Amino acid sequence: MNDVQRLKEMGIPVWGLRRPELFPNVALNTLTLPDTCKLLFVSETTPNEHDAWLFGKILASMKLTPDQALRLPKEALSNLKSHALEWCWFAGVDAIAMADVKQLTSPSLSLLQDNPDAKKHCGCRSDNMNAELLTLDEQWFDAVIKIERAAHSHPWAESMLAQAETKFACNRVLVVDGDVVGYFYGQCVAGEASLLNIAVALTQQGKGYGKQLLLAFIDCMQSAGAQEAWLEVRESNVNAIRLYESQGFNEFDRRFDYYPIAGGREDALIMSYWFE
């Protein structure tokens, strides 16, 4: 699937894509960008909290993370020196030619603000507009441990929850108005992704946060080159099973008497997801 198709699937039919070969012999100027910057967002306004979900989804469609994007006003482009950009996105301003850079243009950032169908496709809800997906690092450990203990009958040990993220891991928290509402721990090794742990705070369940976390896990694993994803879930956790099935997971096998419960044990369903 190419980049234009990805954007169209997200409900963005009015983007223009310009290829670098259309702009030969463009001179470089004097502003040096960080080596980590792969997308230059050219706009007179900074994305605000209401735009964050859309900005994040578009970055994910380009297989980029927020720390690989940088915003500049258009006038600053006249000082551009050297870069390793892959994309330049002109939002609400006229595009200019840039050498060796694929370009996107749009009337504004909030292109989907009044498009409920597109929000649904992106796994977003109007009441989740302030949600941020962030790296699960030390500042969030206490909140994650608290949610883990409340959400799971047999929670992970604190040492597991607080372990440093490895190069194979993708651990994220979902933060709303500064508070952690959920998280997931995932990893991808040799093309095989695993959802190791996922939870939503008891007081925040039923608001679509679980779906957002699951979609974020899928996006993260796809960016890591996963070909398949696996998870295990208690057979009694009907709500979780329905969520996984709604996003393309299917029961593959089961582990008999795997999970402890009061007075006995219960099966674990093994579910799989195959990336296109």
C-alpha atoms as a PDB file:
ATOM      1  CA  MET A   1       0.000   0.000   0.000  1.00  0.00           C
ATOM      2  CA  ASN A   2       1.512   3.360  -0.958  1.00  0.00           C
ATOM      3  CA  ASP A   3       1.357   6.603   1.003  1.00  0.00           C
ATOM      4  CA  VAL A   4      -1.526   8.100  -0.976  1.00  0.00           C
ATOM      5  CA  GLN A   5      -3.642   4.994  -0.377  1.00  0.00           C
ATOM      6  CA  ARG A   6      -2.869   5.123   3.354  1.00  0.00           C
ATOM      7  CA  LEU A   7      -4.061   8.718   3.558  1.00  0.00           C
ATOM      8  CA  LYS A   8      -7.191   7.974   1.560  1.00  0.00           C
ATOM      9  CA  GLU A   9      -8.010   5.101   3.905  1.00  0.00           C
ATOM     10  CA  MET A  10      -7.815   7.604   6.743  1.00  0.00           C
ATOM     11  CA  GLY A  11     -10.498   9.702   5.031  1.00  0.00           C
ATOM     12  CA  ILE A  12      -8.178  12.330   3.526  1.00  0.00           C
ATOM     13  CA  PRO A  13      -9.081  12.564  -0.174  1.00  0.00           C
ATOM     14  CA  VAL A  14      -7.802  16.093  -0.850  1.00  0.00           C
ATOM     15  CA  TRP A  15      -4.062  15.751  -0.363  1.00  0.00           C
ATOM     16  CA  GLY A  16      -1.595  16.352  -3.156  1.00  0.00           C
ATOM     17  CA  LEU A  17       1.599  14.305  -3.368  1.00  0.00           C
ATOM     18  CA  ARG A  18       4.635  15.812  -5.074  1.00  0.00           C
ATOM     19  CA  ARG A  19       7.676  13.717  -5.896  1.00  0.00           C
ATOM     20  CA  PRO A  20      11.219  15.108  -5.624  1.00  0.00           C
ATOM     21  CA  GLU A  21      12.018  14.366  -9.249  1.00  0.00           C
ATOM     22  CA  LEU A  22       9.605  17.178 -10.182  1.00  0.00           C
ATOM     23  CA  PHE A  23      11.924  19.698  -8.524  1.00  0.00           C
ATOM     24  CA  PRO A  24      15.493  19.315  -9.862  1.00  0.00           C
ATOM     25  CA  ASN A  25      18.375  21.648  -9.048  1.00  0.00           C
ATOM     26  CA  VAL A  26      16.894  23.256  -5.941  1.00  0.00           C
ATOM     27  CA  ALA A  27      19.618  25.050  -3.990  1.00  0.00           C
ATOM     28  CA  LEU A  28      20.105  24.452  -0.265  1.00  0.00           C
ATOM     29  CA  ASN A  29      20.346  27.396   2.111  1.00  0.00           C
ATOM     30  CA  THR A  30      21.616  27.946   5.666  1.00  0.00           C
ATOM     31  CA  LEU A  31      19.455  26.227   8.351  1.00  0.00           C
ATOM     32  CA  THR A  32      20.596  22.786   9.543  1.00  0.00           C
ATOM     33  CA  LEU A  33      17.914  20.413  10.831  1.00  0.00           C
ATOM     34  CA  PRO A  34      18.516  17.659  13.414  1.00  0.00           C
ATOM     35  CA  ASP A  35      19.479  14.310  11.900  1.00  0.00           C
ATOM     36  CA  THR A  36      16.421  12.753  13.571  1.00  0.00           C
ATOM     37  CA  CYS A  37      14.009  15.000  11.661  1.00  0.00           C
ATOM     38  CA  LYS A  38      12.356  13.114   8.802  1.00  0.00           C
ATOM     39  CA  LEU A  39       9.231  15.237   8.366  1.00  0.00           C
ATOM     40  CA  LEU A  40       9.110  19.021   8.251  1.00  0.00           C
ATOM     41  CA  PHE A  41       5.668  20.372   9.147  1.00  0.00           C
ATOM     42  CA  VAL A  42       5.336  23.820   7.558  1.00  0.00           C
ATOM     43  CA  SER A  43       2.488  25.792   9.110  1.00  0.00           C
ATOM     44  CA  GLU A  44       1.864  29.135  10.739  1.00  0.00           C
ATOM     45  CA  THR A  45       0.251  27.393  13.721  1.00  0.00           C
ATOM     46  CA  THR A  46       1.526  24.647  16.014  1.00  0.00           C
ATOM     47  CA  PRO A  47      -0.659  21.496  16.281  1.00  0.00           C
ATOM     48  CA  ASN A  48      -2.774  21.860  19.413  1.00  0.00           C
ATOM     49  CA  GLU A  49      -4.231  19.248  21.752  1.00  0.00           C
ATOM     50  CA  HIS A  50      -7.356  18.901  19.594  1.00  0.00           C
ATOM     51  CA  ASP A  51      -5.222  18.060  16.556  1.00  0.00           C
ATOM     52  CA  ALA A  52      -2.919  15.600  18.303  1.00  0.00           C
ATOM     53  CA  TRP A  53      -4.840  12.433  17.395  1.00  0.00           C
ATOM     54  CA  LEU A  54      -4.890  13.313  13.672  1.00  0.00           C
ATOM     55  CA  PHE A  55      -1.249  14.354  13.622  1.00  0.00           C
ATOM     56  CA  GLY A  56      -0.281  11.101  15.312  1.00  0.00           C
ATOM     57  CA  LYS A  57      -2.256   8.939  12.877  1.00  0.00           C
ATOM     58  CA  ILE A  58      -0.752  10.644   9.840  1.00  0.00           C
ATOM     59  CA  LEU A  59       2.745  10.254  11.250  1.00  0.00           C
ATOM     60  CA  ALA A  60       1.998   6.572  11.857  1.00  0.00           C
ATOM     61  CA  SER A  61       0.851   6.181   8.244  1.00  0.00           C
ATOM     62  CA  MET A  62       4.268   7.487   7.193  1.00  0.00           C
ATOM     63  CA  LYS A  63       5.959   5.136   9.700  1.00  0.00           C
ATOM     64  CA  LEU A  64       7.313   8.098  11.653  1.00  0.00           C
ATOM     65  CA  THR A  65       7.213   9.014  15.340  1.00  0.00           C
ATOM     66  CA  PRO A  66       6.481  12.488  16.767  1.00  0.00           C
ATOM     67  CA  ASP A  67      10.147  13.026  17.673  1.00  0.00           C
ATOM     68  CA  GLN A  68      10.981  12.696  13.960  1.00  0.00           C
ATOM     69  CA  ALA A  69       8.794  15.681  13.038  1.00  0.00           C
ATOM     70  CA  LEU A  70       9.627  19.374  13.336  1.00  0.00           C
ATOM     71  CA  ARG A  71       7.423  22.411  12.706  1.00  0.00           C
ATOM     72  CA  LEU A  72       8.750  25.518  11.015  1.00  0.00           C
ATOM     73  CA  PRO A  73       6.984  28.643   9.745  1.00  0.00           C
ATOM     74  CA  LYS A  74       7.270  29.070   6.013  1.00  0.00           C
ATOM     75  CA  GLU A  75       9.609  32.049   6.231  1.00  0.00           C
ATOM     76  CA  ALA A  76      12.201  29.901   8.038  1.00  0.00           C
ATOM     77  CA  LEU A  77      12.575  27.694   4.946  1.00  0.00           C
ATOM     78  CA  SER A  78      14.641  30.419   3.319  1.00  0.00           C
ATOM     79  CA  ASN A  79      17.377  29.568   5.843  1.00  0.00           C
ATOM     80  CA  LEU A  80      17.333  25.811   5.282  1.00  0.00           C
ATOM     81  CA  LYS A  81      20.830  24.413   4.792  1.00  0.00           C
ATOM     82  CA  SER A  82      21.128  20.621   4.746  1.00  0.00           C
ATOM     83  CA  HIS A  83      18.819  17.841   5.839  1.00  0.00           C
ATOM     84  CA  ALA A  84      17.909  14.174   5.548  1.00  0.00           C
ATOM     85  CA  LEU A  85      14.177  14.804   5.246  1.00  0.00           C
ATOM     86  CA  GLU A  86      11.818  12.261   3.735  1.00  0.00           C
ATOM     87  CA  TRP A  87       8.673  14.412   3.822  1.00  0.00           C
ATOM     88  CA  CYS A  88       7.687  18.054   3.873  1.00  0.00           C
ATOM     89  CA  TRP A  89       4.061  18.777   4.770  1.00  0.00           C
ATOM     90  CA  PHE A  90       2.614  22.192   3.916  1.00  0.00           C
ATOM     91  CA  ALA A  91      -0.539  22.805   5.980  1.00  0.00           C
ATOM     92  CA  GLY A  92      -2.478  25.958   5.204  1.00  0.00           C
ATOM     93  CA  VAL A  93       0.447  27.572   3.325  1.00  0.00           C
ATOM     94  CA  ASP A  94       1.573  27.459  -0.274  1.00  0.00           C
ATOM     95  CA  ALA A  95       4.082  24.700  -1.041  1.00  0.00           C
ATOM     96  CA  ILE A  96       7.523  25.423  -2.398  1.00  0.00           C
ATOM     97  CA  ALA A  97       9.913  23.077  -4.177  1.00  0.00           C
ATOM     98  CA  MET A  98      12.448  21.182  -2.051  1.00  0.00           C
ATOM     99  CA  ALA A  99      15.052  18.836  -3.457  1.00  0.00           C
ATOM    100  CA  ASP A 100      14.925  15.105  -2.622  1.00  0.00           C
ATOM    101  CA  VAL A 101      11.839  15.494  -0.459  1.00  0.00           C
ATOM    102  CA  LYS A 102       8.361  14.072  -0.976  1.00  0.00           C
ATOM    103  CA  GLN A 103       5.762  16.719  -0.324  1.00  0.00           C
ATOM    104  CA  LEU A 104       2.243  16.761   1.047  1.00  0.00           C
ATOM    105  CA  THR A 105      -0.111  19.714   0.927  1.00  0.00           C
ATOM    106  CA  SER A 106      -3.375  20.204   2.803  1.00  0.00           C
ATOM    107  CA  PRO A 107      -5.658  23.178   3.510  1.00  0.00           C
ATOM    108  CA  SER A 108      -5.071  22.781   7.250  1.00  0.00           C
ATOM    109  CA  LEU A 109      -4.143  20.230   9.893  1.00  0.00           C
ATOM    110  CA  SER A 110      -7.683  19.688  11.171  1.00  0.00           C
ATOM    111  CA  LEU A 111      -8.817  18.121   7.923  1.00  0.00           C
ATOM    112  CA  LEU A 112     -10.852  15.405   9.664  1.00  0.00           C
ATOM    113  CA  GLN A 113     -12.266  17.499  12.498  1.00  0.00           C
ATOM    114  CA  ASP A 114     -15.836  17.234  11.222  1.00  0.00           C
ATOM    115  CA  ASN A 115     -15.569  13.769   9.676  1.00  0.00           C
ATOM    116  CA  PRO A 116     -16.948  11.209  12.177  1.00  0.00           C
ATOM    117  CA  ASP A 117     -16.477   8.312   9.766  1.00  0.00           C
ATOM    118  CA  ALA A 118     -12.769   9.037   9.499  1.00  0.00           C
ATOM    119  CA  LYS A 119     -12.472   9.340  13.270  1.00  0.00           C
ATOM    120  CA  LYS A 120     -14.084   5.928  13.638  1.00  0.00           C
ATOM    121  CA  HIS A 121     -11.688   4.428  11.110  1.00  0.00           C
ATOM    122  CA  CYS A 122      -8.725   5.863  12.986  1.00  0.00           C
ATOM    123  CA  GLY A 123      -9.923   4.354  16.239  1.00  0.00           C
ATOM    124  CA  CYS A 124     -10.593   7.809  17.720  1.00  0.00           C
ATOM    125  CA  ARG A 125     -13.592   9.159  19.577  1.00  0.00           C
ATOM    126  CA  SER A 126     -14.690  12.743  20.025  1.00  0.00           C
ATOM    127  CA  ASP A 127     -14.404  12.422  23.822  1.00  0.00           C
ATOM    128  CA  ASN A 128     -10.784  11.241  23.565  1.00  0.00           C
ATOM    129  CA  MET A 129      -9.431  14.310  21.808  1.00  0.00           C
ATOM    130  CA  ASN A 130      -6.969  15.151  24.615  1.00  0.00           C
ATOM    131  CA  ALA A 131      -5.368  11.700  24.656  1.00  0.00           C
ATOM    132  CA  GLU A 132      -1.615  11.420  24.044  1.00  0.00           C
ATOM    133  CA  LEU A 133       0.288   8.213  23.367  1.00  0.00           C
ATOM    134  CA  LEU A 134       3.716   8.505  24.998  1.00  0.00           C
ATOM    135  CA  THR A 135       6.725   6.309  25.645  1.00  0.00           C
ATOM    136  CA  LEU A 136       6.320   4.389  28.888  1.00  0.00           C
ATOM    137  CA  ASP A 137       9.296   5.684  30.837  1.00  0.00           C
ATOM    138  CA  GLU A 138      10.164   6.227  34.480  1.00  0.00           C
ATOM    139  CA  GLN A 139       7.849   9.177  35.056  1.00  0.00           C
ATOM    140  CA  TRP A 140       4.809   6.938  34.453  1.00  0.00           C
ATOM    141  CA  PHE A 141       5.856   3.857  36.447  1.00  0.00           C
ATOM    142  CA  ASP A 142       3.889   4.673  39.621  1.00  0.00           C
ATOM    143  CA  ALA A 143       0.649   5.245  37.681  1.00  0.00           C
ATOM    144  CA  VAL A 144       1.154   2.093  35.619  1.00  0.00           C
ATOM    145  CA  ILE A 145       1.815  -0.019  38.727  1.00  0.00           C
ATOM    146  CA  LYS A 146      -1.380   1.319  40.338  1.00  0.00           C
ATOM    147  CA  ILE A 147      -3.492   0.485  37.279  1.00  0.00           C
ATOM    148  CA  GLU A 148      -1.863  -2.937  36.911  1.00  0.00           C
ATOM    149  CA  ARG A 149      -2.734  -3.914  40.469  1.00  0.00           C
ATOM    150  CA  ALA A 150      -6.342  -2.824  40.096  1.00  0.00           C
ATOM    151  CA  ALA A 151      -6.964  -4.181  36.586  1.00  0.00           C
ATOM    152  CA  HIS A 152      -5.437  -7.663  36.893  1.00  0.00           C
ATOM    153  CA  SER A 153      -6.192 -10.383  39.409  1.00  0.00           C
ATOM    154  CA  HIS A 154      -2.590 -11.609  39.061  1.00  0.00           C
ATOM    155  CA  PRO A 155      -0.599  -8.438  38.208  1.00  0.00           C
ATOM    156  CA  TRP A 156       2.936  -8.260  36.925  1.00  0.00           C
ATOM    157  CA  ALA A 157       5.673  -7.656  39.473  1.00  0.00           C
ATOM    158  CA  GLU A 158       6.850  -4.061  39.810  1.00  0.00           C
ATOM    159  CA  SER A 159      10.268  -5.078  38.502  1.00  0.00           C
ATOM    160  CA  MET A 160       8.683  -6.237  35.224  1.00  0.00           C
ATOM    161  CA  LEU A 161       6.589  -3.090  34.835  1.00  0.00           C
ATOM    162  CA  ALA A 162       9.594  -0.840  35.516  1.00  0.00           C
ATOM    163  CA  GLN A 163      12.050  -2.591  33.214  1.00  0.00           C
ATOM    164  CA  ALA A 164      13.848  -0.407  30.684  1.00  0.00           C
ATOM    165  CA  GLU A 165      12.606  -0.609  27.104  1.00  0.00           C
ATOM    166  CA  THR A 166      14.870  -2.693  24.875  1.00  0.00           C
ATOM    167  CA  LYS A 167      15.436  -2.256  21.147  1.00  0.00           C
ATOM    168  CA  PHE A 168      12.785  -4.917  20.501  1.00  0.00           C
ATOM    169  CA  ALA A 169      10.147  -3.329  22.760  1.00  0.00           C
ATOM    170  CA  CYS A 170       7.348  -0.852  22.224  1.00  0.00           C
ATOM    171  CA  ASN A 171       5.864   0.181  25.585  1.00  0.00           C
ATOM    172  CA  ARG A 172       3.392   3.055  25.620  1.00  0.00           C
ATOM    173  CA  VAL A 173       1.089   4.929  27.989  1.00  0.00           C
ATOM    174  CA  LEU A 174      -2.122   6.692  27.008  1.00  0.00           C
ATOM    175  CA  VAL A 175      -2.294  10.006  28.868  1.00  0.00           C
ATOM    176  CA  VAL A 176      -5.377  12.227  29.103  1.00  0.00           C
ATOM    177  CA  ASP A 177      -5.038  15.664  30.692  1.00  0.00           C
ATOM    178  CA  GLY A 178      -1.814  14.563  32.372  1.00  0.00           C
ATOM    179  CA  ASP A 179      -3.190  11.322  33.834  1.00  0.00           C
ATOM    180  CA  VAL A 180      -2.386   7.790  32.654  1.00  0.00           C
ATOM    181  CA  VAL A 181      -5.585   6.013  31.570  1.00  0.00           C
ATOM    182  CA  GLY A 182      -3.965   2.895  30.127  1.00  0.00           C
ATOM    183  CA  TYR A 183      -0.833   1.307  28.715  1.00  0.00           C
ATOM    184  CA  PHE A 184       0.572  -1.597  26.773  1.00  0.00           C
ATOM    185  CA  TYR A 185       3.822  -3.552  26.642  1.00  0.00           C
ATOM    186  CA  GLY A 186       4.741  -5.007  23.265  1.00  0.00           C
ATOM    187  CA  GLN A 187       7.753  -6.411  21.480  1.00  0.00           C
ATOM    188  CA  CYS A 188       8.744  -7.462  17.975  1.00  0.00           C
ATOM    189  CA  VAL A 189      11.504 -10.013  17.385  1.00  0.00           C
ATOM    190  CA  ALA A 190      12.321 -11.370  13.915  1.00  0.00           C
ATOM    191  CA  GLY A 191       8.985 -10.232  12.486  1.00  0.00           C
ATOM    192  CA  GLU A 192       6.902 -11.759  15.297  1.00  0.00           C
ATOM    193  CA  ALA A 193       5.097  -9.272  17.537  1.00  0.00           C
ATOM    194  CA  SER A 194       3.681 -10.010  20.985  1.00  0.00           C
ATOM    195  CA  LEU A 195       1.225  -8.014  23.058  1.00  0.00           C
ATOM    196  CA  LEU A 196       2.613  -8.826  26.483  1.00  0.00           C
ATOM    197  CA  ASN A 197       0.367  -6.671  28.654  1.00  0.00           C
ATOM    198  CA  ILE A 198      -2.426  -4.157  28.136  1.00  0.00           C
ATOM    199  CA  ALA A 199      -4.704  -2.477  30.659  1.00  0.00           C
ATOM    200  CA  VAL A 200      -7.053   0.468  31.110  1.00  0.00           C
ATOM    201  CA  ALA A 201      -7.769   2.068  34.481  1.00  0.00           C
ATOM    202  CA  LEU A 202     -11.023   0.753  35.942  1.00  0.00           C
ATOM    203  CA  THR A 203     -12.504   4.264  36.147  1.00  0.00           C
ATOM    204  CA  GLN A 204     -11.683   4.899  32.469  1.00  0.00           C
ATOM    205  CA  GLN A 205     -13.038   1.724  30.910  1.00  0.00           C
ATOM    206  CA  GLY A 206     -15.824   1.902  28.344  1.00  0.00           C
ATOM    207  CA  LYS A 207     -14.491   5.123  26.766  1.00  0.00           C
ATOM    208  CA  GLY A 208     -12.638   3.633  23.804  1.00  0.00           C
ATOM    209  CA  TYR A 209      -9.166   3.804  25.342  1.00  0.00           C
ATOM    210  CA  GLY A 210      -8.607   0.067  25.028  1.00  0.00           C
ATOM    211  CA  LYS A 211      -9.226   0.266  21.305  1.00  0.00           C
ATOM    212  CA  GLN A 212      -6.840   3.202  20.973  1.00  0.00           C
ATOM    213  CA  LEU A 213      -4.144   1.266  22.786  1.00  0.00           C
ATOM    214  CA  LEU A 214      -4.672  -1.834  20.662  1.00  0.00           C
ATOM    215  CA  LEU A 215      -4.512   0.166  17.423  1.00  0.00           C
ATOM    216  CA  ALA A 216      -1.375   1.911  18.670  1.00  0.00           C
ATOM    217  CA  PHE A 217       0.188  -1.489  19.380  1.00  0.00           C
ATOM    218  CA  ILE A 218      -0.638  -2.649  15.836  1.00  0.00           C
ATOM    219  CA  ASP A 219       0.810   0.555  14.343  1.00  0.00           C
ATOM    220  CA  CYS A 220       3.960   0.268  16.448  1.00  0.00           C
ATOM    221  CA  MET A 221       4.521  -3.354  15.497  1.00  0.00           C
ATOM    222  CA  GLN A 222       3.899  -2.688  11.826  1.00  0.00           C
ATOM    223  CA  SER A 223       6.509   0.089  11.937  1.00  0.00           C
ATOM    224  CA  ALA A 224       8.920  -2.409  13.523  1.00  0.00           C
ATOM    225  CA  GLY A 225       8.457  -4.769  10.569  1.00  0.00           C
ATOM    226  CA  ALA A 226       6.136  -7.311  12.165  1.00  0.00           C
ATOM    227  CA  GLN A 227       4.541  -9.927   9.924  1.00  0.00           C
ATOM    228  CA  GLU A 228       2.320 -11.385  12.614  1.00  0.00           C
ATOM    229  CA  ALA A 229       1.171 -10.499  16.146  1.00  0.00           C
ATOM    230  CA  TRP A 230       0.194 -12.754  19.044  1.00  0.00           C
ATOM    231  CA  LEU A 231      -1.500 -12.353  22.401  1.00  0.00           C
ATOM    232  CA  GLU A 232      -2.988 -14.458  25.166  1.00  0.00           C
ATOM    233  CA  VAL A 233      -6.235 -13.662  26.973  1.00  0.00           C
ATOM    234  CA  ARG A 234      -8.311 -15.338  29.658  1.00  0.00           C
ATOM    235  CA  GLU A 235     -11.286 -17.159  28.148  1.00  0.00           C
ATOM    236  CA  SER A 236     -13.531 -15.402  30.699  1.00  0.00           C
ATOM    237  CA  ASN A 237     -12.451 -11.938  29.518  1.00  0.00           C
ATOM    238  CA  VAL A 238     -15.243 -11.628  26.985  1.00  0.00           C
ATOM    239  CA  ASN A 239     -14.957  -7.864  26.500  1.00  0.00           C
ATOM    240  CA  ALA A 240     -11.262  -8.089  25.654  1.00  0.00           C
ATOM    241  CA  ILE A 241     -11.845 -10.986  23.256  1.00  0.00           C
ATOM    242  CA  ARG A 242     -14.536  -8.995  21.442  1.00  0.00           C
ATOM    243  CA  LEU A 243     -12.190  -6.015  21.150  1.00  0.00           C
ATOM    244  CA  TYR A 244      -9.385  -8.142  19.735  1.00  0.00           C
ATOM    245  CA  GLU A 245     -11.704  -9.802  17.247  1.00  0.00           C
ATOM    246  CA  SER A 246     -13.096  -6.435  16.144  1.00  0.00           C
ATOM    247  CA  GLN A 247      -9.589  -5.359  15.133  1.00  0.00           C
ATOM    248  CA  GLY A 248      -8.661  -8.495  13.205  1.00  0.00           C
ATOM    249  CA  PHE A 249      -7.348 -10.940  15.819  1.00  0.00           C
ATOM    250  CA  ASN A 250      -8.558 -14.530  15.600  1.00  0.00           C
ATOM    251  CA  GLU A 251      -8.396 -17.453  17.995  1.00  0.00           C
ATOM    252  CA  PHE A 252      -5.537 -19.704  16.942  1.00  0.00           C
ATOM    253  CA  ASP A 253      -5.163 -22.116  19.833  1.00  0.00           C
ATOM    254  CA  ARG A 254      -5.605 -22.340  23.579  1.00  0.00           C
ATOM    255  CA  ARG A 255      -3.549 -23.226  26.631  1.00  0.00           C
ATOM    256  CA  PHE A 256      -5.611 -25.411  28.967  1.00  0.00           C
ATOM    257  CA  ASP A 257      -5.690 -24.502  32.662  1.00  0.00           C
ATOM    258  CA  TYR A 258      -3.165 -21.740  32.059  1.00  0.00           C
ATOM    259  CA  TYR A 259      -4.419 -18.873  34.239  1.00  0.00           C
ATOM    260  CA  PRO A 260      -5.038 -19.197  37.992  1.00  0.00           C
ATOM    261  CA  ILE A 261      -8.451 -18.179  39.282  1.00  0.00           C
ATOM    262  CA  ALA A 262     -10.178 -18.417  42.650  1.00  0.00           C
ATOM    263  CA  GLY A 263     -10.722 -22.104  43.271  1.00  0.00           C
ATOM    264  CA  GLY A 264      -9.025 -23.409  40.156  1.00  0.00           C
ATOM    265  CA  ARG A 265      -7.641 -22.455  36.755  1.00  0.00           C
ATOM    266  CA  GLU A 266      -8.958 -21.333  33.354  1.00  0.00           C
ATOM    267  CA  ASP A 267      -7.844 -21.578  29.732  1.00  0.00           C
ATOM    268  CA  ALA A 268      -5.892 -18.950  27.836  1.00  0.00           C
ATOM    269  CA  LEU A 269      -6.951 -18.205  24.275  1.00  0.00           C
ATOM    270  CA  ILE A 270      -4.042 -17.651  21.905  1.00  0.00           C
ATOM    271  CA  MET A 271      -5.007 -15.068  19.287  1.00  0.00           C
ATOM    272  CA  SER A 272      -3.138 -14.043  16.146  1.00  0.00           C
ATOM    273  CA  TYR A 273      -3.115 -11.083  13.780  1.00  0.00           C
ATOM    274  CA  TRP A 274      -1.528 -11.119  10.328  1.00  0.00           C
ATOM    275  CA  PHE A 275      -0.179  -7.931   8.773  1.00  0.00           C
ATOM    276  CA  GLU A 276      -0.859  -7.300   5.107  1.00  0.00           C
END
